[in-house]
Protein backbone atom coordinates (compact mmCIF):
# COMPACT_ATOMS: atom_id res chain seq x y z
CA ASP A 1 -141.44 110.54 25.48
CA ALA A 2 -139.65 106.95 23.98
CA THR A 3 -140.20 103.51 25.53
CA THR A 4 -138.35 99.93 25.82
CA THR A 5 -139.78 97.12 26.16
CA VAL A 6 -138.51 93.74 26.57
CA ALA A 7 -140.04 90.26 25.34
CA ASP A 8 -138.22 88.15 28.05
CA LYS A 9 -139.94 88.89 31.09
CA ARG A 10 -137.57 87.23 33.31
CA ILE A 11 -135.04 89.90 32.53
CA LYS A 12 -135.25 92.59 35.52
CA ARG A 13 -135.16 95.93 35.12
CA ARG A 14 -132.06 97.92 36.64
CA PRO A 15 -131.13 101.97 36.59
CA ALA A 16 -128.52 102.12 34.07
CA PRO A 17 -125.18 102.68 36.29
CA SER A 18 -123.75 105.85 37.22
CA THR A 19 -119.70 106.55 37.53
CA GLU A 20 -120.33 106.67 41.08
CA SER A 21 -121.60 103.02 41.30
CA VAL A 22 -118.64 102.14 39.13
CA ARG A 23 -116.09 103.69 41.09
CA GLY A 24 -117.50 102.12 44.48
CA ARG A 25 -117.37 98.30 42.50
CA LEU A 26 -113.78 98.50 41.56
CA GLY A 27 -112.09 100.93 44.09
CA ARG A 28 -109.51 103.49 43.21
CA SER A 29 -106.53 100.87 43.19
CA LEU A 30 -105.48 98.60 39.81
CA PRO A 31 -102.91 95.82 40.49
CA ILE A 32 -100.32 97.03 38.48
CA LYS A 33 -96.43 96.53 39.57
CA LEU A 34 -94.07 99.06 37.64
CA ASN A 35 -90.35 98.41 36.72
CA THR A 36 -88.12 101.11 35.90
CA THR A 37 -84.51 100.48 34.47
CA HIS A 38 -82.24 103.06 32.79
CA ALA A 39 -83.30 104.16 29.66
CA PRO A 40 -80.74 103.99 26.82
CA SER A 41 -82.10 107.35 25.46
CA SER A 42 -84.38 110.11 26.47
CA PHE A 43 -86.90 112.13 24.46
CA ASN A 44 -86.46 116.23 24.74
CA ASP A 45 -88.41 118.40 22.48
CA LEU A 46 -87.12 116.95 18.81
CA THR A 47 -84.20 115.84 20.20
CA VAL A 48 -83.43 112.21 21.18
CA VAL A 49 -80.30 112.29 23.34
CA VAL A 50 -78.34 108.92 23.79
CA ARG A 51 -77.51 107.87 27.17
CA GLY A 52 -73.68 107.81 27.28
CA SER A 53 -72.75 109.70 24.11
CA VAL A 54 -73.88 113.04 22.00
CA PRO A 55 -76.88 113.21 20.60
CA ARG A 56 -77.74 113.34 16.95
CA THR A 57 -80.94 115.81 15.94
CA SER A 58 -83.20 114.85 13.47
CA VAL A 59 -86.49 116.80 12.01
CA THR A 60 -88.68 115.43 9.56
CA SER A 61 -88.22 116.99 6.78
CA ALA A 62 -85.72 119.19 8.00
CA SER A 63 -81.54 120.01 7.99
CA GLN A 64 -79.83 118.07 10.91
CA THR A 65 -78.15 118.27 13.23
CA TYR A 66 -74.83 116.19 14.49
CA LEU A 67 -72.84 117.00 18.00
CA GLY A 68 -69.46 115.54 18.14
CA GLY A 69 -66.69 116.48 20.44
CA ARG A 70 -62.62 115.50 21.40
CA VAL A 71 -64.08 113.75 24.29
CA GLY A 72 -66.40 110.95 24.07
CA SER A 73 -68.16 108.93 20.82
CA GLY A 74 -70.99 110.37 18.94
CA ALA A 75 -72.42 110.44 15.55
CA GLY A 76 -70.87 113.69 14.83
CA ALA A 77 -67.32 112.41 14.83
CA ALA A 78 -68.42 110.41 11.33
CA TYR A 79 -68.94 114.39 10.37
CA VAL A 80 -65.37 115.29 10.64
CA LYS A 81 -62.66 113.89 9.86
CA GLY A 82 -59.92 114.24 12.39
CA LEU A 83 -61.50 113.63 15.07
CA GLY A 84 -61.11 109.94 17.46
CA THR A 85 -60.72 109.13 20.61
CA GLY A 86 -58.12 106.74 20.15
CA ALA A 87 -54.25 107.10 21.54
CA GLY A 88 -51.61 107.81 18.62
CA PRO A 89 -52.29 109.25 15.17
CA VAL A 90 -56.30 110.25 14.97
CA PRO A 91 -58.00 107.86 12.11
CA GLN A 92 -59.46 109.22 9.44
CA ALA A 93 -63.29 109.51 9.34
CA PRO A 94 -65.07 107.65 6.40
CA GLY A 95 -66.24 109.65 3.54
CA SER A 96 -68.83 111.72 4.96
CA LYS A 97 -70.06 114.92 3.51
CA LEU A 98 -72.72 117.03 4.96
CA ARG A 99 -75.73 117.89 2.90
CA PRO A 100 -77.09 121.59 2.05
CA GLY A 101 -78.53 123.06 5.58
CA ASP A 102 -77.00 120.14 7.83
CA ILE A 103 -75.19 121.27 10.74
CA VAL A 104 -72.42 119.72 12.85
CA THR A 105 -71.68 121.18 16.29
CA MET A 106 -68.62 120.53 18.17
CA ARG A 107 -67.39 121.15 22.12
CA SER A 108 -63.95 121.56 23.72
CA PRO A 109 -64.27 120.37 27.39
CA ASP A 110 -60.88 122.24 28.13
CA ALA A 111 -61.51 125.90 26.49
CA ALA A 112 -60.74 127.98 29.33
CA ILE A 113 -57.34 126.06 29.37
CA ASP A 114 -56.88 125.98 25.62
CA GLY A 115 -54.07 128.92 25.31
CA GLU A 116 -51.27 127.26 23.57
CA ASP A 117 -50.37 129.84 20.52
CA THR A 118 -50.01 126.92 18.21
CA ARG A 119 -53.79 126.62 16.47
CA PRO A 120 -55.64 123.89 15.25
CA GLU A 121 -57.72 124.54 11.86
CA LEU A 122 -60.70 123.14 10.27
CA LYS A 123 -60.45 122.53 6.38
CA ILE A 124 -63.91 123.08 4.64
CA THR A 125 -63.84 121.36 1.16
CA GLY A 126 -67.14 122.93 -0.55
CA ALA A 127 -68.76 125.93 1.33
CA ALA A 128 -70.03 126.09 4.76
CA ARG A 129 -70.86 129.12 7.54
CA VAL A 130 -68.64 128.46 10.25
CA VAL A 131 -69.33 129.50 14.09
CA MET A 132 -66.96 129.78 16.59
CA LEU A 133 -68.09 131.00 20.43
CA LEU A 134 -66.37 131.23 23.33
CA GLY A 135 -67.14 129.62 26.61
CA ASN A 136 -69.40 133.06 27.57
CA GLY A 137 -71.12 132.96 24.20
CA ALA A 138 -69.35 135.82 22.62
CA VAL A 139 -68.50 135.25 18.85
CA VAL A 140 -65.16 135.07 17.76
CA ALA A 141 -66.29 133.99 14.33
CA ASP A 142 -68.97 134.02 11.53
CA GLU A 143 -68.27 134.15 8.06
CA GLN A 144 -69.32 131.91 4.98
CA VAL A 145 -65.87 129.48 4.25
CA GLN A 146 -65.03 128.13 0.75
CA ASP A 147 -62.50 125.67 0.14
CA ARG A 148 -59.86 126.77 2.75
CA GLN A 149 -58.92 126.06 6.22
CA ILE A 150 -59.70 128.79 9.13
CA ALA A 151 -57.53 128.74 12.43
CA VAL A 152 -59.62 127.99 15.66
CA PRO A 153 -58.82 130.96 17.93
CA LYS A 154 -57.74 130.36 21.75
CA HIS A 155 -60.15 129.55 24.17
CA THR A 156 -62.90 128.50 21.47
CA ALA A 157 -65.97 126.37 23.70
CA THR A 158 -68.49 126.02 20.98
CA ILE A 159 -68.29 125.32 16.98
CA ALA A 160 -70.94 125.11 14.73
CA VAL A 161 -70.05 124.24 10.85
CA GLN A 162 -73.57 124.52 8.26
CA ALA A 163 -73.23 123.22 4.91
CA SER A 164 -74.05 126.00 2.68
CA GLY A 165 -75.07 127.94 5.35
CA GLY A 166 -76.49 130.94 3.30
CA GLY A 167 -79.60 130.83 4.26
CA ASP A 168 -82.79 131.02 1.48
CA GLY A 169 -82.42 134.39 0.28
CA ARG A 170 -85.67 134.75 -0.26
CA ALA A 171 -87.11 135.38 -3.63
CA THR A 172 -88.40 139.59 -2.28
CA GLY A 173 -85.84 141.15 -3.94
CA LEU A 174 -84.47 142.15 -0.07
CA ARG A 175 -82.65 139.53 2.05
CA ILE A 176 -83.52 140.32 5.67
CA VAL A 177 -81.67 137.95 8.52
CA GLY A 178 -82.53 137.65 11.77
CA TRP A 179 -85.35 135.42 13.28
CA HIS A 180 -88.57 135.85 14.97
CA ASP A 181 -91.01 133.54 17.68
CA GLN A 182 -91.76 131.44 14.71
CA SER A 183 -88.12 130.64 13.15
CA ARG A 184 -86.50 127.55 13.49
CA LEU A 185 -83.46 127.87 15.84
CA VAL A 186 -80.05 125.42 16.20
CA ARG A 187 -79.69 125.85 20.02
CA LEU A 188 -76.00 125.61 20.85
CA THR A 189 -75.72 125.76 24.34
CA GLY A 190 -77.58 127.12 26.85
CA ARG A 191 -77.68 130.40 26.70
CA SER A 192 -76.58 130.58 22.62
CA ALA A 193 -78.70 129.59 19.65
CA LEU A 194 -77.61 129.91 16.05
CA GLY A 195 -80.09 132.06 13.51
CA ALA A 196 -80.03 132.87 9.67
CA GLY A 197 -77.27 135.39 9.41
CA CYS A 198 -76.70 135.89 13.24
CA VAL A 199 -76.57 134.95 16.67
CA LEU A 200 -78.30 134.67 19.79
CA SER A 201 -76.97 135.26 23.02
CA LEU A 202 -79.56 134.78 26.17
CA ASN A 203 -79.38 136.50 29.77
CA GLY A 204 -80.93 135.21 32.77
CA THR A 205 -81.87 131.82 31.65
CA ALA A 206 -81.31 128.35 33.44
CA GLY A 207 -78.36 127.17 30.76
CA ARG A 208 -79.81 123.77 30.33
CA ALA A 209 -81.56 123.01 27.90
CA SER A 210 -81.11 120.19 24.88
CA VAL A 211 -78.83 120.82 21.49
CA GLY A 212 -80.78 120.81 18.40
CA TRP A 213 -83.64 122.34 16.18
CA HIS A 214 -86.17 124.97 18.83
CA LEU A 215 -88.78 127.56 17.83
CA GLY A 216 -87.24 130.86 18.50
CA GLN A 217 -90.46 131.46 21.08
CA ASN A 218 -89.06 128.44 22.84
CA VAL A 219 -84.86 129.70 22.96
CA VAL A 220 -85.92 132.64 24.44
CA ARG A 221 -88.56 131.94 27.07
CA GLY A 222 -87.62 132.98 30.47
CA ALA A 223 -84.42 135.02 29.11
CA ALA A 224 -84.15 138.94 30.72
CA ALA A 225 -81.81 139.83 28.10
CA VAL A 226 -81.85 138.49 24.52
CA SER A 227 -78.77 139.69 22.03
CA THR A 228 -78.97 139.38 18.54
CA ARG A 229 -75.53 139.71 16.61
CA PHE A 230 -75.82 139.78 12.63
CA ASP A 231 -73.33 138.09 10.65
CA HIS A 232 -72.32 141.09 8.80
CA THR A 233 -73.16 144.81 8.80
CA VAL A 234 -76.49 145.86 8.48
CA THR A 235 -77.98 149.38 7.88
CA CYS A 236 -81.62 148.92 9.40
CA VAL A 237 -82.34 146.94 12.36
CA GLY A 238 -85.83 145.74 13.89
CA VAL A 239 -87.08 144.51 17.30
CA ILE A 240 -90.22 142.70 17.02
CA LEU A 241 -92.67 142.72 20.14
CA LYS A 242 -95.66 140.60 21.28
CA ALA A 243 -98.63 141.08 23.47
CA GLY A 244 -99.23 144.69 22.93
CA GLU A 245 -98.88 147.58 20.41
CA GLY A 246 -95.22 149.40 20.28
CA ARG A 247 -95.23 152.94 18.88
CA SER A 248 -92.41 154.72 20.41
CA ALA A 249 -88.74 153.74 21.65
CA SER A 250 -89.38 153.57 24.71
CA ASP A 251 -91.31 150.97 24.39
CA VAL A 252 -88.56 148.39 24.16
CA GLU A 253 -85.03 149.22 25.54
CA ILE A 254 -82.52 148.51 23.41
CA GLU A 255 -78.88 149.06 23.18
CA LEU A 256 -76.78 148.37 20.17
CA HIS A 257 -72.91 147.29 19.63
CA GLY A 258 -70.86 148.28 16.68
CA ALA A 259 -73.45 151.34 15.76
CA ARG A 260 -75.64 153.84 16.70
CA HIS A 261 -78.62 155.38 15.91
CA LEU A 262 -78.20 157.14 12.47
CA ARG A 263 -81.09 160.32 13.80
CA GLN A 264 -81.75 161.99 17.15
CA PRO A 265 -83.83 161.80 18.91
CA VAL A 266 -84.25 157.56 18.34
CA GLN A 267 -87.95 157.38 16.61
CA PRO A 268 -88.68 153.84 14.97
CA VAL A 269 -90.87 153.13 11.71
CA VAL A 270 -93.18 151.01 13.26
CA VAL A 271 -94.97 148.06 11.46
CA GLN A 272 -98.22 146.34 12.90
CA ALA A 273 -98.23 142.36 11.81
CA GLY A 274 -100.98 140.75 13.35
CA ALA A 275 -99.98 140.51 16.88
CA ARG A 276 -96.93 141.74 16.82
CA SER A 277 -95.24 145.08 16.44
CA VAL A 278 -91.59 145.56 14.35
CA LEU A 279 -90.27 148.41 15.50
CA LEU A 280 -87.55 149.43 12.82
CA PHE A 281 -84.32 151.87 13.93
CA GLU A 282 -81.88 152.83 10.95
CA ILE A 283 -78.16 152.37 11.98
CA ASN A 284 -74.57 153.45 11.77
CA SER A 285 -72.24 151.00 12.08
CA LEU A 286 -68.94 152.17 13.86
CA ALA A 287 -65.43 151.69 12.90
CA GLY A 288 -63.00 148.67 14.49
CA TYR A 289 -66.11 146.11 15.37
CA SER A 290 -66.65 143.03 13.86
CA GLY A 291 -70.13 142.67 13.71
CA VAL A 292 -73.08 144.53 14.67
CA SER A 293 -75.24 143.03 17.95
CA VAL A 294 -78.76 144.62 19.69
CA ARG A 295 -79.58 143.52 22.68
CA ALA A 296 -83.46 143.85 24.43
CA LEU A 297 -84.35 143.47 27.84
CA GLN A 298 -87.64 141.29 28.12
CA GLY A 299 -90.66 142.45 30.77
CA GLY A 300 -93.45 144.24 31.50
CA ALA A 301 -96.73 144.07 29.27
CA ARG A 302 -94.75 143.06 26.26
CA GLU A 303 -92.00 140.41 24.82
CA ILE A 304 -89.38 140.29 22.46
CA ALA A 305 -90.39 138.34 19.55
CA GLY A 306 -87.63 138.56 17.10
CA MET A 307 -84.84 140.80 16.02
CA ILE A 308 -83.73 141.13 12.08
CA GLY A 309 -81.41 143.48 10.42
CA ALA A 310 -81.16 144.20 6.74
CA VAL A 311 -79.06 146.48 4.23
CA ALA A 312 -81.86 148.76 3.47
CA SER A 313 -83.84 151.89 4.42
CA ALA A 314 -86.22 151.13 7.80
CA GLU A 315 -89.26 152.39 5.10
CA ALA A 316 -87.98 149.81 2.55
CA MET A 317 -88.45 147.02 5.42
CA ALA A 318 -91.84 148.71 6.76
CA GLU A 319 -93.17 148.27 3.30
CA LEU A 320 -91.98 144.74 2.48
CA ILE A 321 -93.00 143.36 5.78
CA ALA A 322 -96.53 144.89 6.00
CA GLU A 323 -97.31 143.39 2.07
CA LYS A 324 -96.20 140.00 2.54
CA GLY A 325 -95.84 139.21 6.35
CA LEU A 326 -92.62 138.09 8.56
CA PRO A 327 -92.72 134.57 7.98
CA ALA A 328 -92.45 135.20 4.01
CA THR A 329 -89.53 137.70 4.40
CA VAL A 330 -87.31 136.97 7.21
CA SER A 331 -84.90 134.34 6.34
CA ARG A 332 -84.32 130.92 7.30
CA LEU A 333 -82.02 128.54 8.89
CA ARG A 334 -83.15 125.86 7.42
CA ALA A 335 -83.91 126.41 4.27
CA VAL A 336 -80.61 126.04 1.78
CA GLY A 337 -79.41 125.61 -1.65
CA GLY A 338 -75.83 124.84 -3.15
CA SER A 339 -74.21 121.87 -2.39
CA ASN A 340 -72.66 119.04 -0.33
CA CYS A 341 -69.01 120.00 2.49
CA GLU A 342 -66.44 118.33 3.73
CA ILE A 343 -64.95 118.95 7.40
CA GLU A 344 -62.18 118.05 8.61
CA TRP A 345 -60.21 118.66 11.85
CA VAL A 346 -56.38 119.54 11.40
CA PRO A 347 -54.45 118.98 14.69
CA ALA A 348 -51.90 121.84 15.74
CA GLN A 349 -48.65 121.51 14.19
CA ASP A 350 -45.64 121.74 16.54
CA ASP A 351 -42.79 123.36 14.84
């Protein structure tokens, strides 16, 4: 046993204080006064939302997102020539260029009544991916644009433009687009998000979420159903499940739009990638559809952790995923190359 002695005998020996004894002396209340004021900004995940204007989203060591609009001020307006709030001719924005990977989103607050036959256009100088959505999240345009103008369809509620916008193309010899739970996605609205080569639509969510970069697992959390529309024709789609092994088509309820299963009965090729199961289905695209969409319902012991697509066989995709894993094979939205681009809003011209 160890003992401690003190040379000065005048010091009284007392037991060490306990937590309860300290609480008894100090009490539970402290003389603190809290004054609250209206904050100039609020933090929501990785987005700083400025009160009174639209947000600019920045992610460290990543691409950036700018949100602008026809009504109100915001950082996004400086990156789109022809957008302004003053009366009369709209002043041109300064010569601001988007770096490869940067994204600008624009919203129309009165898209529901926007039915004029003469349409405004977006002029893209350089290369960019342009995505346009209706108010319900339906995709009306998703294409690569190079040095040309693209008309804005009627009732377009949201427009997203990404400089270059082609994804990183992974040096694997096979381009797999889509997303998984650890992918970086750009949330466009409460029920829509932008991924590498795809657009996500969510059903059963609250509908309120911050615009900006989010992890895939946070975007789809709480959604009753998840739909992924690919921006080009694919011959194989994959549904990624988490929290349990998936072995058959009955393990997930999926719906195809613009395509049908290649073989009947439907029997997927299954890859177990860590805690995720990837069910791969070969499909045939149908004539008359602008794209291929996959919709899956969430629930039960498993949850949707991603959807992918490629122009390849199920066996080829399975071998690549089994060898390299999902993070190393699925294209990333924010890793792009190429040059800068400029955006200009061209108002509708009356005849």
